[in-house]
Amino acid sequence: MNIRRWSVGVIAATLLVPGVAACNSGTADSSSGSSSAQDVPADPKEALLASTKGLAEGNFTFTITADSMTGNGVVHKPSDSAQMKMSMGNDEFTMEFDLIHITPDTWVKMDLGDLLAGMPGADAFKDKYQHLDAAKAGDAKGLNPFKSGTDPADASAMFKGIAEVEKTGEGAYSGTVDLSAVTDSVATDEAMLKELGEKAKAIPFTAKLDAQGRLTELVMSIPAAGETKAQDIKVTYADYGSATAVQKPPADQVVEAGEQTYEMFKG
């Protein structure tokens, strides 16, 4: 599967892996924000749609896991900064990258394993952050998360595709979502949707909200189809309103990005 929002250029240029390892779900800070339990809509779908408003404010931390992928990051819109760290792979290939964005600059550190072997100039950025110039990158994808929306999983789009949903407990919901009606989300990939066929119209999910009605966990249960094996895609959110601004990497760990890296993001 592709991560279809942040860092899409890196991933599209390196691998398409179905992917989930374990991750720890964060606990949201209940002290921030003015909403309260009585403000949470009674209608389950409306409650889930409203739960993403805090994500639009762009001040939180997150984790993402899938079959062969784990990741975590921070969004801090007050400082126009964000960071995403990902680790992914399978028996044949592994990849790790760390993307830092502080508008207008982006730095990326990548370990592409055997893919780097023999690549001209690869040794120059091994274990280094490559600095990408926004003017040179042009319309390259994934360099500025604030242009594509602050939520890397675009949960609001997912919830708009809900087919059915019910409240199963305090702050807990379950139902199905029509992935064929959802675009630009972590759980949607054209190839995967084609393999799923009619199954894509009723994908099971669960969601959890905190006491303020903010989304803290979303789990999509993707069935096996074609080359895609059955897996859960899990996204957690925490630290609403209290995330920390991302810092630039140390100068001695930075090199200017090579042409191959720019091409990677243009993919």
C-alpha atoms as a PDB file:
ATOM      1  CA  MET A   1       0.000   0.000   0.000  1.00  0.00           C
ATOM      2  CA  ASN A   2       1.027   3.609  -0.454  1.00  0.00           C
ATOM      3  CA  ILE A   3       1.013   6.280   2.162  1.00  0.00           C
ATOM      4  CA  ARG A   4      -0.961   8.677   0.026  1.00  0.00           C
ATOM      5  CA  ARG A   5      -0.464  11.969   1.873  1.00  0.00           C
ATOM      6  CA  TRP A   6       2.888  12.829   3.423  1.00  0.00           C
ATOM      7  CA  SER A   7       6.056  11.468   1.920  1.00  0.00           C
ATOM      8  CA  VAL A   8       4.244   9.954  -1.029  1.00  0.00           C
ATOM      9  CA  GLY A   9       7.199  10.751  -3.282  1.00  0.00           C
ATOM     10  CA  VAL A  10       9.648   8.762  -1.175  1.00  0.00           C
ATOM     11  CA  ILE A  11       7.440   5.733  -0.867  1.00  0.00           C
ATOM     12  CA  ALA A  12       6.249   5.683  -4.459  1.00  0.00           C
ATOM     13  CA  ALA A  13       9.855   5.790  -5.564  1.00  0.00           C
ATOM     14  CA  THR A  14      10.997   2.925  -3.391  1.00  0.00           C
ATOM     15  CA  LEU A  15       8.350   0.297  -2.695  1.00  0.00           C
ATOM     16  CA  LEU A  16       4.712  -0.660  -2.609  1.00  0.00           C
ATOM     17  CA  VAL A  17       4.337  -2.971   0.356  1.00  0.00           C
ATOM     18  CA  PRO A  18       1.209  -4.266   2.006  1.00  0.00           C
ATOM     19  CA  GLY A  19       2.029  -3.759   5.471  1.00  0.00           C
ATOM     20  CA  VAL A  20       1.491  -3.994  10.531  1.00  0.00           C
ATOM     21  CA  ALA A  21       3.719  -4.167  13.522  1.00  0.00           C
ATOM     22  CA  ALA A  22       2.581  -3.136  16.985  1.00  0.00           C
ATOM     23  CA  CYS A  23       2.352   0.463  18.113  1.00  0.00           C
ATOM     24  CA  ASN A  24       1.488   2.195  21.352  1.00  0.00           C
ATOM     25  CA  SER A  25      -1.623   4.336  21.248  1.00  0.00           C
ATOM     26  CA  GLY A  26      -1.130   7.735  22.828  1.00  0.00           C
ATOM     27  CA  THR A  27      -3.316   9.334  25.431  1.00  0.00           C
ATOM     28  CA  ALA A  28      -4.712  12.677  24.424  1.00  0.00           C
ATOM     29  CA  ASP A  29      -4.261  15.656  26.703  1.00  0.00           C
ATOM     30  CA  SER A  30      -7.721  16.268  28.099  1.00  0.00           C
ATOM     31  CA  SER A  31      -6.819  19.715  29.403  1.00  0.00           C
ATOM     32  CA  SER A  32      -6.572  21.387  25.992  1.00  0.00           C
ATOM     33  CA  GLY A  33      -9.529  22.423  23.872  1.00  0.00           C
ATOM     34  CA  SER A  34     -12.882  23.816  24.943  1.00  0.00           C
ATOM     35  CA  SER A  35     -15.151  20.976  23.878  1.00  0.00           C
ATOM     36  CA  SER A  36     -16.775  18.700  26.444  1.00  0.00           C
ATOM     37  CA  ALA A  37     -18.649  15.410  26.484  1.00  0.00           C
ATOM     38  CA  GLN A  38     -22.016  17.165  26.174  1.00  0.00           C
ATOM     39  CA  ASP A  39     -20.806  18.788  22.945  1.00  0.00           C
ATOM     40  CA  VAL A  40     -20.254  15.415  21.243  1.00  0.00           C
ATOM     41  CA  PRO A  41     -23.042  14.839  18.689  1.00  0.00           C
ATOM     42  CA  ALA A  42     -25.410  12.016  19.584  1.00  0.00           C
ATOM     43  CA  ASP A  43     -25.445  10.734  16.008  1.00  0.00           C
ATOM     44  CA  PRO A  44     -22.451   8.355  15.658  1.00  0.00           C
ATOM     45  CA  LYS A  45     -21.402   9.509  12.181  1.00  0.00           C
ATOM     46  CA  GLU A  46     -21.669  13.173  13.124  1.00  0.00           C
ATOM     47  CA  ALA A  47     -19.642  12.472  16.278  1.00  0.00           C
ATOM     48  CA  LEU A  48     -16.851  10.936  14.191  1.00  0.00           C
ATOM     49  CA  LEU A  49     -16.886  13.760  11.662  1.00  0.00           C
ATOM     50  CA  ALA A  50     -16.698  16.290  14.498  1.00  0.00           C
ATOM     51  CA  SER A  51     -13.847  14.343  16.122  1.00  0.00           C
ATOM     52  CA  THR A  52     -11.432  15.423  13.384  1.00  0.00           C
ATOM     53  CA  LYS A  53     -11.761  19.182  14.009  1.00  0.00           C
ATOM     54  CA  GLY A  54      -8.812  19.059  16.396  1.00  0.00           C
ATOM     55  CA  LEU A  55      -6.675  17.516  13.655  1.00  0.00           C
ATOM     56  CA  ALA A  56      -7.438  20.439  11.353  1.00  0.00           C
ATOM     57  CA  GLU A  57      -5.955  22.743  13.986  1.00  0.00           C
ATOM     58  CA  GLY A  58      -2.623  21.016  13.386  1.00  0.00           C
ATOM     59  CA  ASN A  59      -1.188  20.529  16.873  1.00  0.00           C
ATOM     60  CA  PHE A  60      -0.857  16.842  17.800  1.00  0.00           C
ATOM     61  CA  THR A  61       1.285  13.701  17.660  1.00  0.00           C
ATOM     62  CA  PHE A  62       0.416  10.508  15.804  1.00  0.00           C
ATOM     63  CA  THR A  63       1.397   6.915  15.089  1.00  0.00           C
ATOM     64  CA  ILE A  64       0.599   4.739  12.061  1.00  0.00           C
ATOM     65  CA  THR A  65       1.030   0.984  11.739  1.00  0.00           C
ATOM     66  CA  ALA A  66       0.234  -1.514   9.010  1.00  0.00           C
ATOM     67  CA  ASP A  67       1.423  -5.024   8.167  1.00  0.00           C
ATOM     68  CA  SER A  68       5.004  -4.124   7.280  1.00  0.00           C
ATOM     69  CA  MET A  69       5.108  -0.549   8.485  1.00  0.00           C
ATOM     70  CA  THR A  70       5.399   1.478  11.652  1.00  0.00           C
ATOM     71  CA  GLY A  71       5.593   5.223  11.923  1.00  0.00           C
ATOM     72  CA  ASN A  72       5.161   8.171  14.211  1.00  0.00           C
ATOM     73  CA  GLY A  73       5.312  11.906  13.995  1.00  0.00           C
ATOM     74  CA  VAL A  74       4.270  15.342  15.141  1.00  0.00           C
ATOM     75  CA  VAL A  75       2.340  18.199  13.567  1.00  0.00           C
ATOM     76  CA  HIS A  76       2.896  21.676  14.984  1.00  0.00           C
ATOM     77  CA  LYS A  77       1.103  24.216  12.841  1.00  0.00           C
ATOM     78  CA  PRO A  78       1.874  27.139  15.204  1.00  0.00           C
ATOM     79  CA  SER A  79       5.533  26.841  14.116  1.00  0.00           C
ATOM     80  CA  ASP A  80       4.757  25.505  10.618  1.00  0.00           C
ATOM     81  CA  SER A  81       6.767  22.406  11.466  1.00  0.00           C
ATOM     82  CA  ALA A  82       6.136  18.678  11.213  1.00  0.00           C
ATOM     83  CA  GLN A  83       8.054  15.419  11.345  1.00  0.00           C
ATOM     84  CA  MET A  84       7.344  11.854  10.242  1.00  0.00           C
ATOM     85  CA  LYS A  85       9.498   8.804  10.904  1.00  0.00           C
ATOM     86  CA  MET A  86       8.695   5.569   9.101  1.00  0.00           C
ATOM     87  CA  SER A  87      10.077   2.058   9.012  1.00  0.00           C
ATOM     88  CA  MET A  88       8.766  -0.418   6.462  1.00  0.00           C
ATOM     89  CA  GLY A  89       9.651  -3.490   4.491  1.00  0.00           C
ATOM     90  CA  ASN A  90       9.257  -7.214   4.092  1.00  0.00           C
ATOM     91  CA  ASP A  91      11.476 -10.278   3.727  1.00  0.00           C
ATOM     92  CA  GLU A  92      13.035  -8.836   0.586  1.00  0.00           C
ATOM     93  CA  PHE A  93      13.404  -5.172   1.385  1.00  0.00           C
ATOM     94  CA  THR A  94      13.527  -2.720   4.283  1.00  0.00           C
ATOM     95  CA  MET A  95      13.419   1.045   4.343  1.00  0.00           C
ATOM     96  CA  GLU A  96      13.578   3.755   6.966  1.00  0.00           C
ATOM     97  CA  PHE A  97      13.199   7.471   6.601  1.00  0.00           C
ATOM     98  CA  ASP A  98      12.857  10.563   8.712  1.00  0.00           C
ATOM     99  CA  LEU A  99      11.234  13.619   7.147  1.00  0.00           C
ATOM    100  CA  ILE A 100      11.429  17.025   8.847  1.00  0.00           C
ATOM    101  CA  HIS A 101       9.575  20.024   7.501  1.00  0.00           C
ATOM    102  CA  ILE A 102       9.898  23.566   8.806  1.00  0.00           C
ATOM    103  CA  THR A 103       8.320  25.852   6.230  1.00  0.00           C
ATOM    104  CA  PRO A 104       9.740  26.423   3.662  1.00  0.00           C
ATOM    105  CA  ASP A 105      12.545  23.865   4.200  1.00  0.00           C
ATOM    106  CA  THR A 106      12.483  20.089   4.185  1.00  0.00           C
ATOM    107  CA  TRP A 107      15.111  17.586   5.289  1.00  0.00           C
ATOM    108  CA  VAL A 108      14.943  13.850   4.729  1.00  0.00           C
ATOM    109  CA  LYS A 109      17.177  11.066   6.003  1.00  0.00           C
ATOM    110  CA  MET A 110      16.742   7.721   4.249  1.00  0.00           C
ATOM    111  CA  ASP A 111      18.068   4.226   4.641  1.00  0.00           C
ATOM    112  CA  LEU A 112      16.994   2.363   1.525  1.00  0.00           C
ATOM    113  CA  GLY A 113      19.054  -0.726   2.204  1.00  0.00           C
ATOM    114  CA  ASP A 114      20.344  -2.490  -0.900  1.00  0.00           C
ATOM    115  CA  LEU A 115      18.666   0.045  -3.172  1.00  0.00           C
ATOM    116  CA  LEU A 116      21.535   2.444  -2.459  1.00  0.00           C
ATOM    117  CA  ALA A 117      24.195  -0.029  -3.515  1.00  0.00           C
ATOM    118  CA  GLY A 118      26.003   1.362  -6.517  1.00  0.00           C
ATOM    119  CA  MET A 119      23.957   4.563  -6.677  1.00  0.00           C
ATOM    120  CA  PRO A 120      26.221   7.497  -7.666  1.00  0.00           C
ATOM    121  CA  GLY A 121      26.783   9.799  -4.698  1.00  0.00           C
ATOM    122  CA  ALA A 122      25.021   7.498  -2.238  1.00  0.00           C
ATOM    123  CA  ASP A 123      27.873   7.594   0.254  1.00  0.00           C
ATOM    124  CA  ALA A 124      27.560  11.388   0.495  1.00  0.00           C
ATOM    125  CA  PHE A 125      24.138  11.209   2.150  1.00  0.00           C
ATOM    126  CA  LYS A 126      24.469   7.962   4.051  1.00  0.00           C
ATOM    127  CA  ASP A 127      23.297   8.641   7.630  1.00  0.00           C
ATOM    128  CA  LYS A 128      22.770  12.303   6.699  1.00  0.00           C
ATOM    129  CA  TYR A 129      19.763  14.556   6.377  1.00  0.00           C
ATOM    130  CA  GLN A 130      19.393  15.825   2.833  1.00  0.00           C
ATOM    131  CA  HIS A 131      18.158  19.381   2.569  1.00  0.00           C
ATOM    132  CA  LEU A 132      15.642  19.960  -0.221  1.00  0.00           C
ATOM    133  CA  ASP A 133      15.237  23.444  -1.619  1.00  0.00           C
ATOM    134  CA  ALA A 134      11.541  24.307  -2.060  1.00  0.00           C
ATOM    135  CA  ALA A 135      12.197  26.428  -5.157  1.00  0.00           C
ATOM    136  CA  LYS A 136      14.162  23.637  -6.824  1.00  0.00           C
ATOM    137  CA  ALA A 137      11.651  20.975  -5.841  1.00  0.00           C
ATOM    138  CA  GLY A 138       8.768  22.817  -7.487  1.00  0.00           C
ATOM    139  CA  ASP A 139       5.628  20.701  -7.358  1.00  0.00           C
ATOM    140  CA  ALA A 140       7.383  17.686  -5.854  1.00  0.00           C
ATOM    141  CA  LYS A 141       4.976  15.703  -3.711  1.00  0.00           C
ATOM    142  CA  GLY A 142       5.021  15.309   0.035  1.00  0.00           C
ATOM    143  CA  LEU A 143       7.525  18.037   0.911  1.00  0.00           C
ATOM    144  CA  ASN A 144       5.051  20.331   2.668  1.00  0.00           C
ATOM    145  CA  PRO A 145       2.464  18.506   4.772  1.00  0.00           C
ATOM    146  CA  PHE A 146       0.570  21.727   5.390  1.00  0.00           C
ATOM    147  CA  LYS A 147      -0.331  21.952   1.700  1.00  0.00           C
ATOM    148  CA  SER A 148      -2.018  18.557   1.698  1.00  0.00           C
ATOM    149  CA  GLY A 149      -3.724  18.807   5.082  1.00  0.00           C
ATOM    150  CA  THR A 150      -2.349  18.340   8.566  1.00  0.00           C
ATOM    151  CA  ASP A 151      -3.712  14.827   9.181  1.00  0.00           C
ATOM    152  CA  PRO A 152      -1.431  12.241   7.516  1.00  0.00           C
ATOM    153  CA  ALA A 153      -4.286   9.721   7.408  1.00  0.00           C
ATOM    154  CA  ASP A 154      -7.039  12.190   6.449  1.00  0.00           C
ATOM    155  CA  ALA A 155      -9.523  10.678   8.900  1.00  0.00           C
ATOM    156  CA  SER A 156     -12.160  13.264   7.960  1.00  0.00           C
ATOM    157  CA  ALA A 157     -12.272  11.855   4.417  1.00  0.00           C
ATOM    158  CA  MET A 158     -12.494   8.328   5.813  1.00  0.00           C
ATOM    159  CA  PHE A 159     -15.484   9.222   7.972  1.00  0.00           C
ATOM    160  CA  LYS A 160     -17.298  10.850   5.061  1.00  0.00           C
ATOM    161  CA  GLY A 161     -17.230   7.407   3.446  1.00  0.00           C
ATOM    162  CA  ILE A 162     -18.925   5.670   6.400  1.00  0.00           C
ATOM    163  CA  ALA A 163     -21.532   3.162   5.235  1.00  0.00           C
ATOM    164  CA  GLU A 164     -22.833   2.280   8.692  1.00  0.00           C
ATOM    165  CA  VAL A 165     -21.724   2.989  12.261  1.00  0.00           C
ATOM    166  CA  GLU A 166     -22.884   2.484  15.828  1.00  0.00           C
ATOM    167  CA  LYS A 167     -21.711   3.608  19.254  1.00  0.00           C
ATOM    168  CA  THR A 168     -20.463   0.582  21.185  1.00  0.00           C
ATOM    169  CA  GLY A 169     -19.421   2.250  24.444  1.00  0.00           C
ATOM    170  CA  GLU A 170     -18.253   5.509  25.952  1.00  0.00           C
ATOM    171  CA  GLY A 171     -16.221   7.148  23.203  1.00  0.00           C
ATOM    172  CA  ALA A 172     -16.144   3.894  21.198  1.00  0.00           C
ATOM    173  CA  TYR A 173     -17.599   3.291  17.733  1.00  0.00           C
ATOM    174  CA  SER A 174     -17.590   0.566  15.106  1.00  0.00           C
ATOM    175  CA  GLY A 175     -18.962   0.191  11.613  1.00  0.00           C
ATOM    176  CA  THR A 176     -18.002  -0.080   7.967  1.00  0.00           C
ATOM    177  CA  VAL A 177     -16.638   2.418   5.487  1.00  0.00           C
ATOM    178  CA  ASP A 178     -16.827   2.478   1.703  1.00  0.00           C
ATOM    179  CA  LEU A 179     -13.166   2.885   0.716  1.00  0.00           C
ATOM    180  CA  SER A 180     -14.102   3.229  -2.936  1.00  0.00           C
ATOM    181  CA  ALA A 181     -15.699   6.559  -2.013  1.00  0.00           C
ATOM    182  CA  VAL A 182     -12.605   7.790  -0.173  1.00  0.00           C
ATOM    183  CA  THR A 183      -9.602   9.469  -1.803  1.00  0.00           C
ATOM    184  CA  ASP A 184      -6.195  10.667  -0.584  1.00  0.00           C
ATOM    185  CA  SER A 185      -6.108   8.597   2.600  1.00  0.00           C
ATOM    186  CA  VAL A 186      -3.579   6.286   4.232  1.00  0.00           C
ATOM    187  CA  ALA A 187      -5.913   3.335   3.727  1.00  0.00           C
ATOM    188  CA  THR A 188      -6.654   3.891   0.051  1.00  0.00           C
ATOM    189  CA  ASP A 189      -4.509   2.823  -2.862  1.00  0.00           C
ATOM    190  CA  GLU A 190      -5.791   2.330  -6.406  1.00  0.00           C
ATOM    191  CA  ALA A 191      -4.176  -1.074  -6.851  1.00  0.00           C
ATOM    192  CA  MET A 192      -5.452  -2.298  -3.497  1.00  0.00           C
ATOM    193  CA  LEU A 193      -8.979  -1.024  -4.190  1.00  0.00           C
ATOM    194  CA  LYS A 194      -8.988  -2.882  -7.505  1.00  0.00           C
ATOM    195  CA  GLU A 195      -7.988  -6.109  -5.769  1.00  0.00           C
ATOM    196  CA  LEU A 196     -10.606  -5.659  -3.055  1.00  0.00           C
ATOM    197  CA  GLY A 197     -13.403  -5.093  -5.561  1.00  0.00           C
ATOM    198  CA  GLU A 198     -16.817  -5.111  -3.863  1.00  0.00           C
ATOM    199  CA  LYS A 199     -15.157  -5.786  -0.499  1.00  0.00           C
ATOM    200  CA  ALA A 200     -13.892  -2.176  -0.536  1.00  0.00           C
ATOM    201  CA  LYS A 201     -17.458  -0.937  -0.058  1.00  0.00           C
ATOM    202  CA  ALA A 202     -17.782  -2.406   3.447  1.00  0.00           C
ATOM    203  CA  ILE A 203     -14.445  -2.258   5.281  1.00  0.00           C
ATOM    204  CA  PRO A 204     -14.814  -2.779   9.052  1.00  0.00           C
ATOM    205  CA  PHE A 205     -13.429  -0.077  11.339  1.00  0.00           C
ATOM    206  CA  THR A 206     -13.359   0.927  14.986  1.00  0.00           C
ATOM    207  CA  ALA A 207     -12.719   4.376  16.423  1.00  0.00           C
ATOM    208  CA  LYS A 208     -12.108   5.841  19.865  1.00  0.00           C
ATOM    209  CA  LEU A 209     -12.676   9.404  21.058  1.00  0.00           C
ATOM    210  CA  ASP A 210     -11.418  11.130  24.191  1.00  0.00           C
ATOM    211  CA  ALA A 211     -13.625  12.927  26.748  1.00  0.00           C
ATOM    212  CA  GLN A 212     -13.568  16.047  24.562  1.00  0.00           C
ATOM    213  CA  GLY A 213     -14.825  14.109  21.544  1.00  0.00           C
ATOM    214  CA  ARG A 214     -11.467  14.148  19.736  1.00  0.00           C
ATOM    215  CA  LEU A 215     -10.278  11.175  17.721  1.00  0.00           C
ATOM    216  CA  THR A 216      -7.586   9.150  19.496  1.00  0.00           C
ATOM    217  CA  GLU A 217      -7.639   5.869  17.548  1.00  0.00           C
ATOM    218  CA  LEU A 218      -8.815   4.619  14.161  1.00  0.00           C
ATOM    219  CA  VAL A 219      -8.404   0.976  13.091  1.00  0.00           C
ATOM    220  CA  MET A 220      -9.298  -0.224   9.606  1.00  0.00           C
ATOM    221  CA  SER A 221      -9.525  -4.005   9.070  1.00  0.00           C
ATOM    222  CA  ILE A 222      -8.555  -4.682   5.458  1.00  0.00           C
ATOM    223  CA  PRO A 223      -9.542  -8.155   4.166  1.00  0.00           C
ATOM    224  CA  ALA A 224      -7.236 -10.341   2.088  1.00  0.00           C
ATOM    225  CA  ALA A 225      -7.500  -9.813  -1.665  1.00  0.00           C
ATOM    226  CA  GLY A 226      -5.037 -10.574  -4.464  1.00  0.00           C
ATOM    227  CA  GLU A 227      -1.549  -9.712  -3.246  1.00  0.00           C
ATOM    228  CA  THR A 228      -2.944  -7.793  -0.278  1.00  0.00           C
ATOM    229  CA  LYS A 229      -3.093  -9.914   2.850  1.00  0.00           C
ATOM    230  CA  ALA A 230      -5.574  -9.340   5.654  1.00  0.00           C
ATOM    231  CA  GLN A 231      -4.290  -6.619   7.930  1.00  0.00           C
ATOM    232  CA  ASP A 232      -5.230  -3.864  10.326  1.00  0.00           C
ATOM    233  CA  ILE A 233      -4.238  -0.281   9.629  1.00  0.00           C
ATOM    234  CA  LYS A 234      -4.073   1.596  12.910  1.00  0.00           C
ATOM    235  CA  VAL A 235      -3.682   5.329  13.424  1.00  0.00           C
ATOM    236  CA  THR A 236      -3.531   6.957  16.845  1.00  0.00           C
ATOM    237  CA  TYR A 237      -3.559  10.626  17.821  1.00  0.00           C
ATOM    238  CA  ALA A 238      -2.478  12.307  21.051  1.00  0.00           C
ATOM    239  CA  ASP A 239      -1.187  15.527  22.631  1.00  0.00           C
ATOM    240  CA  TYR A 240      -3.853  17.761  21.142  1.00  0.00           C
ATOM    241  CA  GLY A 241      -2.805  21.379  21.583  1.00  0.00           C
ATOM    242  CA  SER A 242       0.433  20.456  23.322  1.00  0.00           C
ATOM    243  CA  ALA A 243       2.729  19.053  20.637  1.00  0.00           C
ATOM    244  CA  THR A 244       6.303  20.351  20.486  1.00  0.00           C
ATOM    245  CA  ALA A 245       7.751  22.364  17.621  1.00  0.00           C
ATOM    246  CA  VAL A 246      10.077  20.330  15.422  1.00  0.00           C
ATOM    247  CA  GLN A 247      13.758  21.332  15.388  1.00  0.00           C
ATOM    248  CA  LYS A 248      16.139  21.499  12.444  1.00  0.00           C
ATOM    249  CA  PRO A 249      18.671  18.649  12.257  1.00  0.00           C
ATOM    250  CA  PRO A 250      22.196  19.559  13.451  1.00  0.00           C
ATOM    251  CA  ALA A 251      24.205  21.347  10.764  1.00  0.00           C
ATOM    252  CA  ASP A 252      26.957  18.715  10.835  1.00  0.00           C
ATOM    253  CA  GLN A 253      24.355  16.078   9.890  1.00  0.00           C
ATOM    254  CA  VAL A 254      23.038  17.948   6.834  1.00  0.00           C
ATOM    255  CA  VAL A 255      24.043  17.772   3.167  1.00  0.00           C
ATOM    256  CA  GLU A 256      22.324  19.223   0.124  1.00  0.00           C
ATOM    257  CA  ALA A 257      20.024  16.766  -1.631  1.00  0.00           C
ATOM    258  CA  GLY A 258      21.199  15.117  -4.829  1.00  0.00           C
ATOM    259  CA  GLU A 259      19.247  15.032  -8.074  1.00  0.00           C
ATOM    260  CA  GLN A 260      18.135  11.466  -7.357  1.00  0.00           C
ATOM    261  CA  THR A 261      16.340  12.633  -4.231  1.00  0.00           C
ATOM    262  CA  TYR A 262      14.499  15.400  -6.054  1.00  0.00           C
ATOM    263  CA  GLU A 263      13.429  12.895  -8.692  1.00  0.00           C
ATOM    264  CA  MET A 264      12.231  10.575  -5.951  1.00  0.00           C
ATOM    265  CA  PHE A 265       9.823  13.182  -4.650  1.00  0.00           C
ATOM    266  CA  LYS A 266       8.600  13.988  -8.129  1.00  0.00           C
ATOM    267  CA  GLY A 267       7.443  10.399  -8.630  1.00  0.00           C
END
